[in-house]
């Protein structure tokens, strides 16, 4: 299944509004599927962290939506800023609570938490595993992911290079410890989220699509 630039931009529209103008009543949206893998995009809209505004991780929302469409996995993403940060807040974090609910009710076996990063770090994609703790030291899980992304011409795929997802604030550490399933945080550089070069975005989508399908075959 191929996606066009116009289709991708159409999916991105729901993430363009600031919180006070957003038409969605809930601060997140869930799409159900049949494959027991959950895609998350907690920074698809801007966040408030320690009283400061942080801009959204551009295009992580529509990337998550497209992966759901192409694989029929489960998906959750932020649609509204409620003066919160879904990947940082420890108390009263409705987004994390919903993830746990989805996992429990649907026997989810893998969480892929999608984020965006600057190009200054020197990687194309950083696969954050909490130095193995968030994936129960299942090295094959991330080696397969790294190799799959590289086969789709994504350069400089790293593992725990800059982002490790080992803070108690992060979704992946919290969920891996609470639900006891492997959780991977994917930090995608700006290069592979550049709408001016849509082919790079499509490489990420296709690489992750192939990985999800491969992983589903292993389950």
C-alpha atoms as a PDB file:
ATOM      1  CA  UNK A   1       0.000   0.000   0.000  1.00  0.00           C
ATOM      2  CA  UNK A   2       1.494   3.326  -1.093  1.00  0.00           C
ATOM      3  CA  UNK A   3       0.700   6.709   0.381  1.00  0.00           C
ATOM      4  CA  UNK A   4       0.694   9.963  -1.561  1.00  0.00           C
ATOM      5  CA  UNK A   5       1.900  13.316  -0.292  1.00  0.00           C
ATOM      6  CA  UNK A   6      -1.660  14.682  -0.367  1.00  0.00           C
ATOM      7  CA  UNK A   7      -2.969  11.768   1.707  1.00  0.00           C
ATOM      8  CA  UNK A   8      -0.192  12.247   4.238  1.00  0.00           C
ATOM      9  CA  UNK A   9      -0.857  15.975   4.533  1.00  0.00           C
ATOM     10  CA  UNK A  10      -4.567  15.306   4.945  1.00  0.00           C
ATOM     11  CA  UNK A  11      -3.810  12.969   7.861  1.00  0.00           C
ATOM     12  CA  UNK A  12      -1.593  15.652   9.364  1.00  0.00           C
ATOM     13  CA  UNK A  13      -4.351  18.275   9.513  1.00  0.00           C
ATOM     14  CA  UNK A  14      -5.682  17.113  12.876  1.00  0.00           C
ATOM     15  CA  UNK A  15      -2.277  17.842  14.427  1.00  0.00           C
ATOM     16  CA  UNK A  16      -1.978  21.400  13.107  1.00  0.00           C
ATOM     17  CA  UNK A  17      -4.273  23.156  15.561  1.00  0.00           C
ATOM     18  CA  UNK A  18      -3.088  24.605  18.846  1.00  0.00           C
ATOM     19  CA  UNK A  19      -4.783  23.166  21.918  1.00  0.00           C
ATOM     20  CA  UNK A  20      -7.231  26.019  22.445  1.00  0.00           C
ATOM     21  CA  UNK A  21      -8.533  25.640  18.875  1.00  0.00           C
ATOM     22  CA  UNK A  22      -8.529  21.856  18.669  1.00  0.00           C
ATOM     23  CA  UNK A  23     -11.965  20.419  17.990  1.00  0.00           C
ATOM     24  CA  UNK A  24     -11.220  17.102  19.729  1.00  0.00           C
ATOM     25  CA  UNK A  25     -12.659  16.763  23.220  1.00  0.00           C
ATOM     26  CA  UNK A  26     -10.197  14.059  24.249  1.00  0.00           C
ATOM     27  CA  UNK A  27      -6.490  14.724  24.254  1.00  0.00           C
ATOM     28  CA  UNK A  28      -5.727  11.487  22.425  1.00  0.00           C
ATOM     29  CA  UNK A  29      -7.262   9.155  19.892  1.00  0.00           C
ATOM     30  CA  UNK A  30      -7.098   5.351  19.623  1.00  0.00           C
ATOM     31  CA  UNK A  31      -7.408   3.161  16.534  1.00  0.00           C
ATOM     32  CA  UNK A  32      -7.963  -0.537  17.126  1.00  0.00           C
ATOM     33  CA  UNK A  33      -6.545  -3.297  14.969  1.00  0.00           C
ATOM     34  CA  UNK A  34      -5.899  -7.028  14.881  1.00  0.00           C
ATOM     35  CA  UNK A  35      -2.088  -7.341  15.087  1.00  0.00           C
ATOM     36  CA  UNK A  36      -0.980  -7.301  18.765  1.00  0.00           C
ATOM     37  CA  UNK A  37       1.458  -4.418  18.296  1.00  0.00           C
ATOM     38  CA  UNK A  38       0.773  -0.877  19.514  1.00  0.00           C
ATOM     39  CA  UNK A  39       2.117   2.254  17.812  1.00  0.00           C
ATOM     40  CA  UNK A  40       2.238   5.400  19.952  1.00  0.00           C
ATOM     41  CA  UNK A  41       2.894   9.053  19.028  1.00  0.00           C
ATOM     42  CA  UNK A  42       2.759  11.009  22.304  1.00  0.00           C
ATOM     43  CA  UNK A  43       4.342  14.179  20.931  1.00  0.00           C
ATOM     44  CA  UNK A  44       2.210  14.558  17.802  1.00  0.00           C
ATOM     45  CA  UNK A  45       1.014  17.887  19.267  1.00  0.00           C
ATOM     46  CA  UNK A  46       2.926  20.411  21.357  1.00  0.00           C
ATOM     47  CA  UNK A  47       3.493  19.663  25.049  1.00  0.00           C
ATOM     48  CA  UNK A  48       3.946  21.541  28.287  1.00  0.00           C
ATOM     49  CA  UNK A  49       6.906  20.323  30.331  1.00  0.00           C
ATOM     50  CA  UNK A  50       7.808  21.979  33.613  1.00  0.00           C
ATOM     51  CA  UNK A  51       5.744  24.991  32.585  1.00  0.00           C
ATOM     52  CA  UNK A  52       7.478  25.438  29.224  1.00  0.00           C
ATOM     53  CA  UNK A  53       6.002  24.855  25.766  1.00  0.00           C
ATOM     54  CA  UNK A  54       7.745  22.212  23.669  1.00  0.00           C
ATOM     55  CA  UNK A  55       6.846  22.014  19.995  1.00  0.00           C
ATOM     56  CA  UNK A  56       5.390  18.844  18.542  1.00  0.00           C
ATOM     57  CA  UNK A  57       7.501  16.151  16.916  1.00  0.00           C
ATOM     58  CA  UNK A  58       6.486  17.033  13.381  1.00  0.00           C
ATOM     59  CA  UNK A  59       4.716  14.349  11.327  1.00  0.00           C
ATOM     60  CA  UNK A  60       4.994  11.603  13.958  1.00  0.00           C
ATOM     61  CA  UNK A  61       1.186  11.595  14.154  1.00  0.00           C
ATOM     62  CA  UNK A  62       0.502  10.844  10.487  1.00  0.00           C
ATOM     63  CA  UNK A  63       3.393   8.354  10.425  1.00  0.00           C
ATOM     64  CA  UNK A  64       1.673   6.434  13.235  1.00  0.00           C
ATOM     65  CA  UNK A  65      -1.702   6.619  11.482  1.00  0.00           C
ATOM     66  CA  UNK A  66      -0.252   5.360   8.207  1.00  0.00           C
ATOM     67  CA  UNK A  67       1.486   2.436   9.914  1.00  0.00           C
ATOM     68  CA  UNK A  68      -1.820   1.468  11.474  1.00  0.00           C
ATOM     69  CA  UNK A  69      -3.544   1.583   8.096  1.00  0.00           C
ATOM     70  CA  UNK A  70      -0.902  -0.514   6.391  1.00  0.00           C
ATOM     71  CA  UNK A  71      -0.526  -3.196   9.077  1.00  0.00           C
ATOM     72  CA  UNK A  72      -3.812  -3.152  11.027  1.00  0.00           C
ATOM     73  CA  UNK A  73      -1.933  -2.860  14.315  1.00  0.00           C
ATOM     74  CA  UNK A  74      -3.213  -0.761  17.236  1.00  0.00           C
ATOM     75  CA  UNK A  75      -2.435   2.950  17.444  1.00  0.00           C
ATOM     76  CA  UNK A  76      -2.664   5.819  19.927  1.00  0.00           C
ATOM     77  CA  UNK A  77      -1.640   9.441  19.402  1.00  0.00           C
ATOM     78  CA  UNK A  78      -2.151  12.834  21.001  1.00  0.00           C
ATOM     79  CA  UNK A  79      -4.662  15.180  19.361  1.00  0.00           C
ATOM     80  CA  UNK A  80      -4.786  17.962  21.913  1.00  0.00           C
ATOM     81  CA  UNK A  81      -2.486  19.675  24.393  1.00  0.00           C
ATOM     82  CA  UNK A  82      -4.010  19.575  27.861  1.00  0.00           C
ATOM     83  CA  UNK A  83      -1.051  21.415  29.396  1.00  0.00           C
ATOM     84  CA  UNK A  84       0.616  18.040  29.750  1.00  0.00           C
ATOM     85  CA  UNK A  85       3.454  15.911  28.406  1.00  0.00           C
ATOM     86  CA  UNK A  86       2.385  12.323  27.820  1.00  0.00           C
ATOM     87  CA  UNK A  87       5.992  11.099  27.729  1.00  0.00           C
ATOM     88  CA  UNK A  88       7.085  12.936  30.873  1.00  0.00           C
ATOM     89  CA  UNK A  89       4.281  13.349  33.400  1.00  0.00           C
ATOM     90  CA  UNK A  90       4.328  10.745  36.146  1.00  0.00           C
ATOM     91  CA  UNK A  91       1.094  11.594  37.942  1.00  0.00           C
ATOM     92  CA  UNK A  92      -2.374  11.764  36.353  1.00  0.00           C
ATOM     93  CA  UNK A  93      -1.100  10.658  32.950  1.00  0.00           C
ATOM     94  CA  UNK A  94      -4.241   9.605  31.070  1.00  0.00           C
ATOM     95  CA  UNK A  95      -2.248   8.703  27.958  1.00  0.00           C
ATOM     96  CA  UNK A  96      -0.126   6.130  29.809  1.00  0.00           C
ATOM     97  CA  UNK A  97      -3.228   4.815  31.536  1.00  0.00           C
ATOM     98  CA  UNK A  98      -4.900   4.315  28.149  1.00  0.00           C
ATOM     99  CA  UNK A  99      -1.855   2.490  26.808  1.00  0.00           C
ATOM    100  CA  UNK A 100      -2.001   0.060  29.723  1.00  0.00           C
ATOM    101  CA  UNK A 101      -5.710  -0.435  29.105  1.00  0.00           C
ATOM    102  CA  UNK A 102      -5.137  -1.193  25.406  1.00  0.00           C
ATOM    103  CA  UNK A 103      -2.352  -3.636  26.239  1.00  0.00           C
ATOM    104  CA  UNK A 104      -4.402  -5.477  28.863  1.00  0.00           C
ATOM    105  CA  UNK A 105      -7.623  -5.698  26.865  1.00  0.00           C
ATOM    106  CA  UNK A 106      -5.994  -6.699  23.572  1.00  0.00           C
ATOM    107  CA  UNK A 107      -2.986  -8.755  24.713  1.00  0.00           C
ATOM    108  CA  UNK A 108      -0.534  -6.391  23.046  1.00  0.00           C
ATOM    109  CA  UNK A 109       2.944  -7.909  22.805  1.00  0.00           C
ATOM    110  CA  UNK A 110       5.073  -4.993  21.598  1.00  0.00           C
ATOM    111  CA  UNK A 111       4.975  -1.194  21.948  1.00  0.00           C
ATOM    112  CA  UNK A 112       6.663   1.114  19.415  1.00  0.00           C
ATOM    113  CA  UNK A 113       6.714   4.677  20.743  1.00  0.00           C
ATOM    114  CA  UNK A 114       7.473   7.166  17.946  1.00  0.00           C
ATOM    115  CA  UNK A 115       9.280  10.456  18.555  1.00  0.00           C
ATOM    116  CA  UNK A 116      11.118  13.090  16.552  1.00  0.00           C
ATOM    117  CA  UNK A 117      14.672  14.332  17.049  1.00  0.00           C
ATOM    118  CA  UNK A 118      16.917  17.022  15.640  1.00  0.00           C
ATOM    119  CA  UNK A 119      19.556  16.252  13.022  1.00  0.00           C
ATOM    120  CA  UNK A 120      22.294  17.604  15.304  1.00  0.00           C
ATOM    121  CA  UNK A 121      22.674  14.226  17.026  1.00  0.00           C
ATOM    122  CA  UNK A 122      24.101  12.568  13.919  1.00  0.00           C
ATOM    123  CA  UNK A 123      21.740   9.605  13.666  1.00  0.00           C
ATOM    124  CA  UNK A 124      18.957   8.778  11.237  1.00  0.00           C
ATOM    125  CA  UNK A 125      16.979   6.783  13.786  1.00  0.00           C
ATOM    126  CA  UNK A 126      17.952   6.084  17.396  1.00  0.00           C
ATOM    127  CA  UNK A 127      16.374   2.913  18.783  1.00  0.00           C
ATOM    128  CA  UNK A 128      16.015   3.486  22.538  1.00  0.00           C
ATOM    129  CA  UNK A 129      15.704   0.369  24.689  1.00  0.00           C
ATOM    130  CA  UNK A 130      16.712   1.514  28.172  1.00  0.00           C
ATOM    131  CA  UNK A 131      20.013  -0.240  27.421  1.00  0.00           C
ATOM    132  CA  UNK A 132      18.079  -3.461  26.978  1.00  0.00           C
ATOM    133  CA  UNK A 133      15.962  -3.244  30.127  1.00  0.00           C
ATOM    134  CA  UNK A 134      12.802  -2.146  28.285  1.00  0.00           C
ATOM    135  CA  UNK A 135      12.969  -5.139  25.943  1.00  0.00           C
ATOM    136  CA  UNK A 136      13.909  -7.801  28.503  1.00  0.00           C
ATOM    137  CA  UNK A 137      17.387  -7.909  26.926  1.00  0.00           C
ATOM    138  CA  UNK A 138      15.910  -9.356  23.730  1.00  0.00           C
ATOM    139  CA  UNK A 139      18.701  -8.200  21.411  1.00  0.00           C
ATOM    140  CA  UNK A 140      17.245  -9.973  18.387  1.00  0.00           C
ATOM    141  CA  UNK A 141      14.209  -7.688  18.610  1.00  0.00           C
ATOM    142  CA  UNK A 142      16.245  -4.533  18.002  1.00  0.00           C
ATOM    143  CA  UNK A 143      18.862  -6.035  15.705  1.00  0.00           C
ATOM    144  CA  UNK A 144      16.059  -7.102  13.370  1.00  0.00           C
ATOM    145  CA  UNK A 145      14.583  -3.609  13.565  1.00  0.00           C
ATOM    146  CA  UNK A 146      17.936  -1.975  12.839  1.00  0.00           C
ATOM    147  CA  UNK A 147      18.638  -4.266   9.895  1.00  0.00           C
ATOM    148  CA  UNK A 148      15.139  -3.757   8.457  1.00  0.00           C
ATOM    149  CA  UNK A 149      15.442   0.038   8.584  1.00  0.00           C
ATOM    150  CA  UNK A 150      18.900  -0.096   7.012  1.00  0.00           C
ATOM    151  CA  UNK A 151      17.589  -2.274   4.191  1.00  0.00           C
ATOM    152  CA  UNK A 152      15.186   0.560   3.391  1.00  0.00           C
ATOM    153  CA  UNK A 153      18.067   2.986   2.936  1.00  0.00           C
ATOM    154  CA  UNK A 154      17.836   4.697   6.316  1.00  0.00           C
ATOM    155  CA  UNK A 155      21.315   5.850   7.261  1.00  0.00           C
ATOM    156  CA  UNK A 156      22.954   5.865  10.683  1.00  0.00           C
ATOM    157  CA  UNK A 157      20.509   3.669  12.563  1.00  0.00           C
ATOM    158  CA  UNK A 158      21.741   3.509  16.160  1.00  0.00           C
ATOM    159  CA  UNK A 159      20.754   1.730  19.352  1.00  0.00           C
ATOM    160  CA  UNK A 160      20.703   3.719  22.616  1.00  0.00           C
ATOM    161  CA  UNK A 161      23.126   6.290  21.172  1.00  0.00           C
ATOM    162  CA  UNK A 162      21.591   9.488  22.558  1.00  0.00           C
ATOM    163  CA  UNK A 163      18.084   8.614  23.702  1.00  0.00           C
ATOM    164  CA  UNK A 164      17.836   5.617  26.003  1.00  0.00           C
ATOM    165  CA  UNK A 165      14.261   5.799  27.367  1.00  0.00           C
ATOM    166  CA  UNK A 166      15.579   4.854  30.801  1.00  0.00           C
ATOM    167  CA  UNK A 167      13.970   7.663  32.806  1.00  0.00           C
ATOM    168  CA  UNK A 168      11.004   6.935  35.061  1.00  0.00           C
ATOM    169  CA  UNK A 169       9.171   9.661  33.141  1.00  0.00           C
ATOM    170  CA  UNK A 170       9.174   7.872  29.797  1.00  0.00           C
ATOM    171  CA  UNK A 171       6.351   5.815  28.385  1.00  0.00           C
ATOM    172  CA  UNK A 172       8.624   2.918  27.453  1.00  0.00           C
ATOM    173  CA  UNK A 173      10.209   2.452  30.869  1.00  0.00           C
ATOM    174  CA  UNK A 174       6.862   2.799  32.651  1.00  0.00           C
ATOM    175  CA  UNK A 175       4.991   0.427  30.350  1.00  0.00           C
ATOM    176  CA  UNK A 176       7.751  -2.187  30.125  1.00  0.00           C
ATOM    177  CA  UNK A 177       7.906  -2.406  33.912  1.00  0.00           C
ATOM    178  CA  UNK A 178       4.137  -2.310  34.458  1.00  0.00           C
ATOM    179  CA  UNK A 179       2.892  -4.469  31.590  1.00  0.00           C
ATOM    180  CA  UNK A 180       6.014  -6.612  31.215  1.00  0.00           C
ATOM    181  CA  UNK A 181       6.141  -6.338  27.426  1.00  0.00           C
ATOM    182  CA  UNK A 182       9.023  -5.096  25.233  1.00  0.00           C
ATOM    183  CA  UNK A 183       8.818  -1.351  24.573  1.00  0.00           C
ATOM    184  CA  UNK A 184      10.940   0.498  22.027  1.00  0.00           C
ATOM    185  CA  UNK A 185      11.242   4.265  21.713  1.00  0.00           C
ATOM    186  CA  UNK A 186      12.034   5.342  18.147  1.00  0.00           C
ATOM    187  CA  UNK A 187      13.700   8.743  17.786  1.00  0.00           C
ATOM    188  CA  UNK A 188      13.389   9.699  14.113  1.00  0.00           C
ATOM    189  CA  UNK A 189      15.660  12.498  12.934  1.00  0.00           C
ATOM    190  CA  UNK A 190      14.343  15.526  11.091  1.00  0.00           C
ATOM    191  CA  UNK A 191      15.926  14.209   7.876  1.00  0.00           C
ATOM    192  CA  UNK A 192      13.392  11.385   7.821  1.00  0.00           C
ATOM    193  CA  UNK A 193      10.482  13.652   8.753  1.00  0.00           C
ATOM    194  CA  UNK A 194      11.128  16.353   6.150  1.00  0.00           C
ATOM    195  CA  UNK A 195       7.922  17.020   4.226  1.00  0.00           C
ATOM    196  CA  UNK A 196       9.981  18.744   1.515  1.00  0.00           C
ATOM    197  CA  UNK A 197      11.552  15.372   0.803  1.00  0.00           C
ATOM    198  CA  UNK A 198       8.587  13.054   1.198  1.00  0.00           C
ATOM    199  CA  UNK A 199      10.552  10.062  -0.096  1.00  0.00           C
ATOM    200  CA  UNK A 200      12.524  10.031   3.167  1.00  0.00           C
ATOM    201  CA  UNK A 201       9.325   9.845   5.203  1.00  0.00           C
ATOM    202  CA  UNK A 202       8.127   6.986   3.012  1.00  0.00           C
ATOM    203  CA  UNK A 203      11.369   5.080   3.731  1.00  0.00           C
ATOM    204  CA  UNK A 204      10.616   5.200   7.466  1.00  0.00           C
ATOM    205  CA  UNK A 205       7.012   4.126   6.968  1.00  0.00           C
ATOM    206  CA  UNK A 206       7.973   1.242   4.702  1.00  0.00           C
ATOM    207  CA  UNK A 207      10.815   0.098   6.956  1.00  0.00           C
ATOM    208  CA  UNK A 208       8.612   0.072  10.036  1.00  0.00           C
ATOM    209  CA  UNK A 209       5.775  -1.581   8.115  1.00  0.00           C
ATOM    210  CA  UNK A 210       8.076  -4.424   7.105  1.00  0.00           C
ATOM    211  CA  UNK A 211       9.332  -4.766  10.665  1.00  0.00           C
ATOM    212  CA  UNK A 212       5.828  -4.949  12.116  1.00  0.00           C
ATOM    213  CA  UNK A 213       4.848  -7.620   9.605  1.00  0.00           C
ATOM    214  CA  UNK A 214       8.030  -9.602  10.306  1.00  0.00           C
ATOM    215  CA  UNK A 215       7.473  -9.344  14.036  1.00  0.00           C
ATOM    216  CA  UNK A 216       3.861 -10.426  13.722  1.00  0.00           C
ATOM    217  CA  UNK A 217       5.000 -13.553  11.892  1.00  0.00           C
ATOM    218  CA  UNK A 218       7.258 -14.396  14.839  1.00  0.00           C
ATOM    219  CA  UNK A 219       4.494 -14.090  17.429  1.00  0.00           C
END
